[in-house]
N, C-alpha and C. Protein backbone atom coordinates (compact mmCIF):
# COMPACT_ATOMS: atom_id res chain seq x y z
N MET A 1 252.09 94.59 43.82
CA MET A 1 251.16 94.42 42.72
C MET A 1 251.93 93.92 41.52
N ARG A 2 251.37 92.93 40.87
CA ARG A 2 251.98 92.39 39.66
C ARG A 2 251.27 92.95 38.44
N PHE A 3 252.06 93.33 37.46
CA PHE A 3 251.53 93.86 36.21
C PHE A 3 251.62 92.75 35.17
N HIS A 4 250.47 92.16 34.85
CA HIS A 4 250.43 90.99 33.98
C HIS A 4 250.21 91.32 32.52
N THR A 5 249.45 92.35 32.24
CA THR A 5 249.03 92.62 30.87
C THR A 5 249.60 93.93 30.37
N ARG A 6 250.07 93.89 29.14
CA ARG A 6 250.56 95.10 28.48
C ARG A 6 249.70 95.36 27.25
N LYS A 7 249.48 96.62 26.98
CA LYS A 7 248.72 97.04 25.80
C LYS A 7 249.52 98.12 25.08
N TRP A 8 249.53 98.01 23.76
CA TRP A 8 250.19 98.99 22.91
C TRP A 8 249.09 99.92 22.40
N ILE A 9 249.24 101.21 22.64
CA ILE A 9 248.21 102.17 22.26
C ILE A 9 248.28 102.42 20.75
N LYS A 10 247.17 102.08 20.08
CA LYS A 10 247.07 102.19 18.62
C LYS A 10 246.07 103.28 18.25
N PRO A 11 246.06 103.70 16.99
CA PRO A 11 245.15 104.78 16.58
C PRO A 11 243.68 104.53 16.96
N GLU A 12 243.23 103.28 16.87
CA GLU A 12 241.82 102.99 17.18
C GLU A 12 241.49 103.11 18.67
N ASP A 13 242.51 103.28 19.52
CA ASP A 13 242.31 103.41 20.96
C ASP A 13 242.22 104.88 21.42
N LEU A 14 242.34 105.81 20.48
CA LEU A 14 242.43 107.23 20.81
C LEU A 14 241.09 107.94 20.78
N ASN A 15 241.00 108.99 21.58
CA ASN A 15 239.83 109.87 21.56
C ASN A 15 240.12 111.05 20.62
N PRO A 16 239.18 111.97 20.43
CA PRO A 16 239.42 113.10 19.52
C PRO A 16 240.60 114.00 19.94
N ASN A 17 241.04 113.91 21.18
CA ASN A 17 242.19 114.70 21.64
C ASN A 17 243.51 114.03 21.30
N GLY A 18 243.47 112.82 20.74
CA GLY A 18 244.69 112.11 20.39
C GLY A 18 245.32 111.37 21.56
N THR A 19 244.55 111.19 22.63
CA THR A 19 245.03 110.43 23.79
C THR A 19 244.15 109.21 23.99
N LEU A 20 244.59 108.31 24.85
CA LEU A 20 243.85 107.07 25.10
C LEU A 20 242.43 107.36 25.57
N PHE A 21 241.46 106.77 24.90
CA PHE A 21 240.04 106.90 25.25
C PHE A 21 239.81 106.17 26.58
N GLY A 22 239.24 106.88 27.55
CA GLY A 22 239.01 106.31 28.88
C GLY A 22 238.13 105.07 28.85
N GLY A 23 237.13 105.04 27.98
CA GLY A 23 236.26 103.87 27.87
C GLY A 23 237.00 102.63 27.42
N ARG A 24 237.97 102.80 26.54
CA ARG A 24 238.78 101.66 26.09
C ARG A 24 239.59 101.12 27.26
N LEU A 25 240.19 102.04 28.03
CA LEU A 25 241.00 101.62 29.18
C LEU A 25 240.14 100.90 30.21
N LEU A 26 238.94 101.40 30.46
CA LEU A 26 238.04 100.73 31.42
C LEU A 26 237.64 99.34 30.92
N GLN A 27 237.47 99.20 29.61
CA GLN A 27 237.17 97.88 29.03
C GLN A 27 238.32 96.92 29.32
N TRP A 28 239.55 97.37 29.11
CA TRP A 28 240.72 96.52 29.37
C TRP A 28 240.83 96.17 30.85
N ILE A 29 240.55 97.14 31.72
CA ILE A 29 240.62 96.88 33.17
C ILE A 29 239.57 95.84 33.56
N ASP A 30 238.35 95.98 33.06
CA ASP A 30 237.28 95.03 33.39
C ASP A 30 237.65 93.62 32.92
N GLU A 31 238.22 93.52 31.74
CA GLU A 31 238.64 92.22 31.23
C GLU A 31 239.77 91.64 32.08
N GLU A 32 240.73 92.46 32.44
CA GLU A 32 241.84 91.99 33.28
C GLU A 32 241.34 91.54 34.65
N ALA A 33 240.40 92.29 35.22
CA ALA A 33 239.82 91.91 36.52
C ALA A 33 239.10 90.57 36.41
N ALA A 34 238.38 90.37 35.32
CA ALA A 34 237.67 89.10 35.13
C ALA A 34 238.66 87.95 34.99
N LEU A 35 239.69 88.12 34.18
CA LEU A 35 240.69 87.06 34.00
C LEU A 35 241.39 86.73 35.32
N TYR A 36 241.78 87.77 36.06
CA TYR A 36 242.44 87.57 37.35
C TYR A 36 241.53 86.77 38.29
N THR A 37 240.25 87.14 38.32
CA THR A 37 239.30 86.48 39.21
C THR A 37 239.04 85.04 38.79
N ILE A 38 238.91 84.80 37.50
CA ILE A 38 238.71 83.43 37.01
C ILE A 38 239.86 82.54 37.46
N ILE A 39 241.07 83.04 37.36
CA ILE A 39 242.25 82.26 37.77
C ILE A 39 242.27 82.07 39.29
N GLN A 40 241.99 83.12 40.05
CA GLN A 40 242.02 83.00 41.50
C GLN A 40 240.93 82.07 42.04
N LEU A 41 239.71 82.22 41.50
CA LEU A 41 238.58 81.45 42.04
C LEU A 41 238.34 80.14 41.30
N GLU A 42 239.09 79.91 40.23
CA GLU A 42 238.98 78.69 39.44
C GLU A 42 237.54 78.44 38.97
N ASN A 43 236.94 79.51 38.44
CA ASN A 43 235.57 79.44 37.95
C ASN A 43 235.43 80.44 36.79
N LYS A 44 234.90 80.00 35.66
CA LYS A 44 234.72 80.89 34.51
C LYS A 44 233.48 81.77 34.65
N ARG A 45 232.60 81.46 35.58
CA ARG A 45 231.37 82.23 35.74
C ARG A 45 231.59 83.36 36.75
N ILE A 46 232.04 84.49 36.24
CA ILE A 46 232.39 85.65 37.06
C ILE A 46 231.66 86.87 36.50
N VAL A 47 231.18 87.75 37.38
CA VAL A 47 230.59 89.01 36.92
C VAL A 47 231.19 90.17 37.72
N THR A 48 231.23 91.33 37.08
CA THR A 48 231.65 92.55 37.75
C THR A 48 230.44 93.13 38.47
N LYS A 49 230.60 93.37 39.77
CA LYS A 49 229.49 93.94 40.55
C LYS A 49 229.68 95.43 40.75
N PHE A 50 230.93 95.87 40.96
CA PHE A 50 231.14 97.25 41.39
C PHE A 50 232.54 97.72 41.01
N MET A 51 232.62 98.97 40.60
CA MET A 51 233.91 99.65 40.44
C MET A 51 233.81 100.96 41.20
N SER A 52 234.78 101.19 42.09
CA SER A 52 234.77 102.41 42.87
C SER A 52 235.20 103.59 42.01
N GLU A 53 235.42 104.70 42.65
CA GLU A 53 235.91 105.89 41.96
C GLU A 53 237.12 105.56 41.10
N ILE A 54 237.08 106.06 39.90
CA ILE A 54 238.17 105.85 38.94
C ILE A 54 238.94 107.15 38.87
N ASN A 55 240.24 107.08 39.13
CA ASN A 55 241.05 108.30 39.20
C ASN A 55 242.02 108.33 38.02
N PHE A 56 241.72 109.18 37.03
CA PHE A 56 242.63 109.37 35.90
C PHE A 56 243.71 110.35 36.33
N LEU A 57 244.96 109.91 36.32
CA LEU A 57 246.07 110.73 36.79
C LEU A 57 246.90 111.31 35.65
N SER A 58 246.99 110.61 34.56
CA SER A 58 247.73 111.09 33.39
C SER A 58 247.15 110.41 32.16
N SER A 59 247.75 110.64 31.03
CA SER A 59 247.22 110.12 29.79
C SER A 59 248.25 109.25 29.08
N ALA A 60 247.81 108.58 28.05
CA ALA A 60 248.70 107.82 27.18
C ALA A 60 248.39 108.24 25.75
N LYS A 61 249.39 108.13 24.90
CA LYS A 61 249.20 108.52 23.51
C LYS A 61 249.62 107.38 22.58
N LYS A 62 249.34 107.56 21.31
CA LYS A 62 249.65 106.54 20.32
C LYS A 62 251.12 106.14 20.42
N GLY A 63 251.33 104.82 20.43
CA GLY A 63 252.68 104.28 20.52
C GLY A 63 253.14 103.95 21.91
N ASP A 64 252.46 104.50 22.93
CA ASP A 64 252.82 104.17 24.32
C ASP A 64 252.47 102.71 24.61
N ILE A 65 253.20 102.15 25.53
CA ILE A 65 252.89 100.81 26.04
C ILE A 65 252.47 100.99 27.49
N ILE A 66 251.29 100.50 27.81
CA ILE A 66 250.81 100.57 29.19
C ILE A 66 250.76 99.18 29.77
N GLU A 67 250.78 99.10 31.10
CA GLU A 67 250.62 97.80 31.76
C GLU A 67 249.59 97.93 32.85
N ILE A 68 248.82 96.85 33.01
CA ILE A 68 247.71 96.81 33.95
C ILE A 68 248.08 95.89 35.10
N GLY A 69 247.98 96.43 36.32
CA GLY A 69 248.26 95.65 37.52
C GLY A 69 247.01 95.45 38.34
N ILE A 70 246.83 94.24 38.83
CA ILE A 70 245.67 93.86 39.64
C ILE A 70 246.18 93.10 40.86
N ILE A 71 245.57 93.36 42.02
CA ILE A 71 245.87 92.59 43.22
C ILE A 71 244.57 92.40 44.01
N ALA A 72 244.40 91.22 44.58
CA ALA A 72 243.25 90.94 45.44
C ALA A 72 243.50 91.58 46.79
N THR A 73 242.52 92.29 47.31
CA THR A 73 242.66 92.94 48.62
C THR A 73 241.72 92.36 49.67
N LYS A 74 240.69 91.63 49.21
CA LYS A 74 239.73 91.07 50.17
C LYS A 74 238.99 89.90 49.51
N PHE A 75 238.79 88.86 50.28
CA PHE A 75 238.00 87.71 49.83
C PHE A 75 236.72 87.67 50.65
N GLY A 76 235.59 87.84 49.98
CA GLY A 76 234.30 87.69 50.63
C GLY A 76 233.80 86.27 50.46
N LYS A 77 232.57 86.02 50.89
CA LYS A 77 232.00 84.68 50.77
C LYS A 77 231.78 84.29 49.30
N THR A 78 231.22 85.22 48.52
CA THR A 78 230.96 84.95 47.10
C THR A 78 231.71 85.92 46.19
N SER A 79 232.50 86.81 46.78
CA SER A 79 233.14 87.86 45.98
C SER A 79 234.64 87.96 46.27
N ILE A 80 235.28 88.73 45.44
CA ILE A 80 236.68 89.07 45.63
C ILE A 80 236.80 90.56 45.29
N THR A 81 237.53 91.29 46.11
CA THR A 81 237.74 92.72 45.88
C THR A 81 239.16 92.91 45.37
N LEU A 82 239.28 93.68 44.30
CA LEU A 82 240.56 93.91 43.65
C LEU A 82 240.93 95.38 43.68
N ASN A 83 242.23 95.64 43.55
CA ASN A 83 242.76 96.98 43.38
C ASN A 83 243.48 96.98 42.04
N CYS A 84 243.38 98.07 41.30
CA CYS A 84 243.98 98.14 39.96
C CYS A 84 244.77 99.42 39.79
N LYS A 85 245.91 99.28 39.14
CA LYS A 85 246.72 100.43 38.72
C LYS A 85 247.14 100.19 37.28
N VAL A 86 247.14 101.25 36.50
CA VAL A 86 247.63 101.19 35.13
C VAL A 86 248.73 102.23 35.02
N ARG A 87 249.85 101.83 34.44
CA ARG A 87 250.98 102.75 34.32
C ARG A 87 251.61 102.65 32.93
N ASN A 88 252.34 103.69 32.59
CA ASN A 88 253.11 103.70 31.37
C ASN A 88 254.30 102.78 31.59
N LYS A 89 254.49 101.82 30.72
CA LYS A 89 255.56 100.82 30.89
C LYS A 89 256.94 101.46 30.89
N MET A 90 257.15 102.45 30.03
CA MET A 90 258.49 103.03 29.88
C MET A 90 258.82 104.05 30.97
N THR A 91 257.84 104.90 31.32
CA THR A 91 258.11 105.98 32.29
C THR A 91 257.70 105.61 33.71
N ARG A 92 256.90 104.56 33.86
CA ARG A 92 256.32 104.12 35.15
C ARG A 92 255.32 105.14 35.73
N GLU A 93 254.94 106.12 34.94
CA GLU A 93 253.96 107.12 35.39
C GLU A 93 252.59 106.47 35.49
N LEU A 94 251.90 106.69 36.62
CA LEU A 94 250.55 106.14 36.80
C LEU A 94 249.59 106.86 35.86
N ILE A 95 248.74 106.08 35.23
CA ILE A 95 247.72 106.62 34.33
C ILE A 95 246.36 106.63 35.01
N ILE A 96 246.05 105.56 35.73
CA ILE A 96 244.74 105.43 36.38
C ILE A 96 244.87 104.53 37.60
N THR A 97 244.03 104.80 38.60
CA THR A 97 243.90 103.90 39.75
C THR A 97 242.41 103.63 39.97
N VAL A 98 242.12 102.39 40.37
CA VAL A 98 240.77 102.00 40.77
C VAL A 98 240.95 101.26 42.09
N ASP A 99 240.47 101.86 43.18
CA ASP A 99 240.71 101.29 44.50
C ASP A 99 239.97 99.99 44.76
N ASN A 100 238.74 99.89 44.27
CA ASN A 100 237.94 98.69 44.55
C ASN A 100 237.17 98.25 43.32
N ILE A 101 237.41 97.02 42.93
CA ILE A 101 236.62 96.37 41.90
C ILE A 101 236.10 95.09 42.56
N ILE A 102 234.80 94.95 42.63
CA ILE A 102 234.22 93.75 43.26
C ILE A 102 233.72 92.83 42.16
N MET A 103 234.26 91.61 42.18
CA MET A 103 233.89 90.57 41.23
C MET A 103 233.15 89.48 42.01
N VAL A 104 232.10 88.93 41.42
CA VAL A 104 231.26 87.94 42.10
C VAL A 104 231.36 86.59 41.40
N ASN A 105 231.51 85.56 42.20
CA ASN A 105 231.57 84.17 41.76
C ASN A 105 230.14 83.67 41.54
N MET A 106 229.85 83.16 40.34
CA MET A 106 228.50 82.71 40.03
C MET A 106 228.45 81.20 39.88
N GLY A 107 227.31 80.64 40.24
CA GLY A 107 227.09 79.20 40.09
C GLY A 107 226.44 78.89 38.76
N ASP A 108 226.20 77.61 38.52
CA ASP A 108 225.55 77.16 37.28
C ASP A 108 224.16 77.77 37.11
N ASP A 109 223.53 78.12 38.24
CA ASP A 109 222.18 78.68 38.20
C ASP A 109 222.17 80.19 37.96
N GLY A 110 223.37 80.79 37.80
CA GLY A 110 223.45 82.23 37.55
C GLY A 110 223.32 83.08 38.79
N LYS A 111 223.42 82.47 39.95
CA LYS A 111 223.32 83.19 41.22
C LYS A 111 224.67 83.16 41.93
N PRO A 112 224.95 84.18 42.77
CA PRO A 112 226.21 84.17 43.52
C PRO A 112 226.35 82.89 44.33
N THR A 113 227.57 82.35 44.32
CA THR A 113 227.83 81.11 45.05
C THR A 113 229.15 81.22 45.79
N PRO A 114 229.26 80.63 46.98
CA PRO A 114 230.52 80.69 47.73
C PRO A 114 231.67 80.07 46.94
N HIS A 115 232.84 80.68 47.07
CA HIS A 115 234.01 80.19 46.34
C HIS A 115 235.01 79.47 47.23
N GLY A 116 234.94 79.66 48.54
CA GLY A 116 235.80 78.93 49.46
C GLY A 116 237.25 79.39 49.51
N LYS A 117 237.59 80.49 48.86
CA LYS A 117 238.97 80.99 48.85
C LYS A 117 239.15 82.05 49.93
N THR A 118 240.36 82.11 50.49
CA THR A 118 240.63 83.08 51.55
C THR A 118 241.91 83.89 51.33
N LYS A 119 242.69 83.50 50.32
CA LYS A 119 243.94 84.21 50.06
C LYS A 119 244.35 84.04 48.60
N ILE A 120 245.28 84.89 48.18
CA ILE A 120 245.80 84.82 46.82
C ILE A 120 246.54 83.50 46.64
N GLU A 121 246.26 82.84 45.53
CA GLU A 121 246.95 81.60 45.19
C GLU A 121 247.62 81.78 43.83
N PHE A 122 248.78 81.21 43.68
CA PHE A 122 249.49 81.25 42.41
C PHE A 122 249.34 79.89 41.74
N VAL A 123 249.14 79.89 40.45
CA VAL A 123 248.94 78.66 39.70
C VAL A 123 250.10 77.70 39.93
N SER A 124 251.32 78.22 39.99
CA SER A 124 252.48 77.35 40.19
C SER A 124 252.38 76.58 41.51
N ASN A 125 251.81 77.20 42.54
CA ASN A 125 251.64 76.51 43.82
C ASN A 125 250.56 75.43 43.72
N ARG A 126 249.52 75.67 42.95
CA ARG A 126 248.47 74.66 42.76
C ARG A 126 249.04 73.44 42.04
N LEU A 127 249.93 73.68 41.07
CA LEU A 127 250.51 72.57 40.33
C LEU A 127 251.40 71.70 41.22
N LYS A 128 252.06 72.31 42.20
CA LYS A 128 252.92 71.55 43.12
C LYS A 128 252.11 70.61 43.99
N LYS A 129 250.83 70.98 44.26
CA LYS A 129 249.98 70.16 45.11
C LYS A 129 249.58 68.86 44.41
N ASN A 130 249.53 68.88 43.10
CA ASN A 130 249.08 67.70 42.34
C ASN A 130 250.16 66.68 42.18
């Protein structure tokens, strides 16, 4: 799994307990999943269909740096299934895991459309083809 995005925990990200608000973290995960999918499927029209059980394992506090990792685990006809882990950058302690996030490829008409992808592609490999 590659960890592409880092976030610095700031006061506005905290809950009343002084730890990272879970809703903020889920917002970041959803955004990261969308960005990952847009790059993989080469389409800006992506929607989140499903997030499986979310397992909070530890917390983060103000000043911590976290990193979000996403990997594609399955390519469907119109969807892609992702796995996500978030960890503390300095300690490598897992903060949260999400086993399945299903993102759907949408067409111009706003309906699911086949994407034709079957495996993870890296942008650098696409550039070599041109």
